[in-house]
Amino acid sequence: MEKRTLFSRSEMLQMNSERLKERGVKIEEIAEVAYAQQSKWTDVISRQDCIDSVEKILSLRDTFHILQLGAEIDRLTETGEIKGPIRDVLNADLGLFGIDELFGLELAGIYGTIGKTNFGDIDVNKPEVIERLNTAGKGDKKECHTFMDDIVGAIAAAASTRVAQIINETEARKDPRYKEIKLDFDV
């Protein structure tokens, strides 16, 4: 059988959703972080908007590559298949490591500077599922979420930013001077 390297957006969404589930994360939990992040600034937001945005982010090729690689590094670290000394660094989720934050910044950066700023806030404050992953990966436990906590936080940050952009687009279209321009891409 020939190996595949390219997948449709719906396939990537499905594989990313499955990988998150394997790592103990639900789409709704990520959407809740996005909702909390964005609802500080507007009341014209719903949890469903956030779920839709999380799913959109999970269907993107860059997200697919980052999530799949990060989850696999965490899994290999848990099973001891990654050799030392980097295994010990990953198991400890060493604060000076920083490569996990690079994954997060790159993913959140899909939505520009605001996406990265939102990621920074989430990374520092570790709300909800991000705190759970971060805590589960510490201490004597066999779990490793060195990459996953940052990836989940970045997905939430990107989804929050996407929701803000959709709200702004909706408001802009209310202007009587607005003229529809057909674009050949999807946000």
Foldseek 3Di string as FASTA:
>chain_A
DDDDDDDALVVQLVVLQVLCVVLPDHLLQLLVLLCVLQVVPDPPDDSVLSSVLLSNLSSDPLLSVLSVVLSVVQVCLLVVVDDPDVSVCQLALDPVPCVLLVSLQVSLCVLPPQSNVQLVVCVVVVPDPLVVQVVCSHDPHSGGCSNVSSSSSSSSSNSSSVSVVVVVVVVVCVPPPDDDDDDDDDD
